[in-house]
Amino acid sequence: MNNLYQKEVSKKFYEERFAQKGSFLKQEYMSEWGDDKKKRIYELIKSLPLPESGDVIDFGCGAGVFTEVIRQALPNYNIYGTDFTQLAINKAKARYKNCTFIYSTDTRLKSMKFDFLFTHHVLEHVYDLEPVAKEMIQLLKNKSSMLHILPCGNVGSLEYNICSLHKNGIIREKENAFFFEDEGHVRRLTTMQVSELFSKYDFTLIKEYYSEQKYGAIKWITESNPLLIIKMLNPIYGKDIKSKTKLFALFILLFSLAMARMPLILMNRIKKKRHESYKQKFLYAACLPFYPLSNLVDNYLKSKAIEEWEKSNREPNGSEMYLFYSRKPE
């Protein structure tokens, strides 16, 4: 495994990721997110106590998907995105013409100050957390706000409970990252840890939201590569007999749901491609008989995930957290 705690190694790692081409089975890295996720973030940003107008920076913007969501949510703002991966910035510029994207070493950034800073799944990736946090602060005005969205290390989520069943489920050497996480994740933070990180700069946690306590987690796991389910729930790695039994039961449930959803997921991916090959057309036709059941299971899980967000988004046992901080000058 690469030592992603080193800046240059990390930079090369993400340049290579953004250079990879997508397919109907695998999307380009950070190139797209589900409509439900984009809608949630749009509505959340709209609800925040922000000034009517100002300047906002999407820090670690990647290919710019959520920079565009911010632009839609804050039409009176000047919208900027920045990333330390040049290829990501190039992709963002090509896709979202109404936002301004700036490479992280661009000297223009040093003279700019923002009212609002946004990150989406950045803090778990950065090579050196304290200096990067300071870099964020230097971009902000004295009176400003931040919204950080990232994986949650709080106790009690389905993902946390799965890790608790494994012998080495929570990796202490990787700052408590979960064993099944993407290689690019070098840590998993709790709410308290994030708040401590920014409190030294006089930022106070104003609002906190959590998702994927249970059904949201089941939804994303069962729409991922089935190999992930095998990795997450392999009973061989259970701590004891009781843990192995629980992992096996969860494996049967989640793998069955993944197989049920797969026809619809594949059909949707094929439909998004502008030019379909004969192989893709054949696969689409092969999935058609399973569409009714697949659609039923898919809609059920999506509706339960939405319901969970609406009813439980203040319960801190989620596997993803949305933390809004504000700083007022003395």
Foldseek 3Di string as FASTA:
>chain_A
DFLLLDPVSVQVVVLVQQPDPADLQGHRPPPDDDPVVLVVVLVVLLPDPADLEWEEEAEQCFLPPNLVSVCVSRVRYQTEYEHQHVSRQVNNCVPDVSHHYDYPVPPVQQPAATQEYEYAADQQQHSDNLVVLVVVVSRYDQWHKYKYKHFAPDPQAPLNVLLVFFPCQFPVQLARDGPLDDPSGSHHYHPVVVQVSCVVVVKDWDDKWFARRDLVVLLVCLCDDLVSLCVSLVLVRGPDPVSSVVSVVVSVVSSVLSVLQVLVSSLVSQVPDPDHDPVSVVSNVVSVVSVVSNVVSNVVSVVVRVVCRVPPTRPRSHRMMITMITHDHD
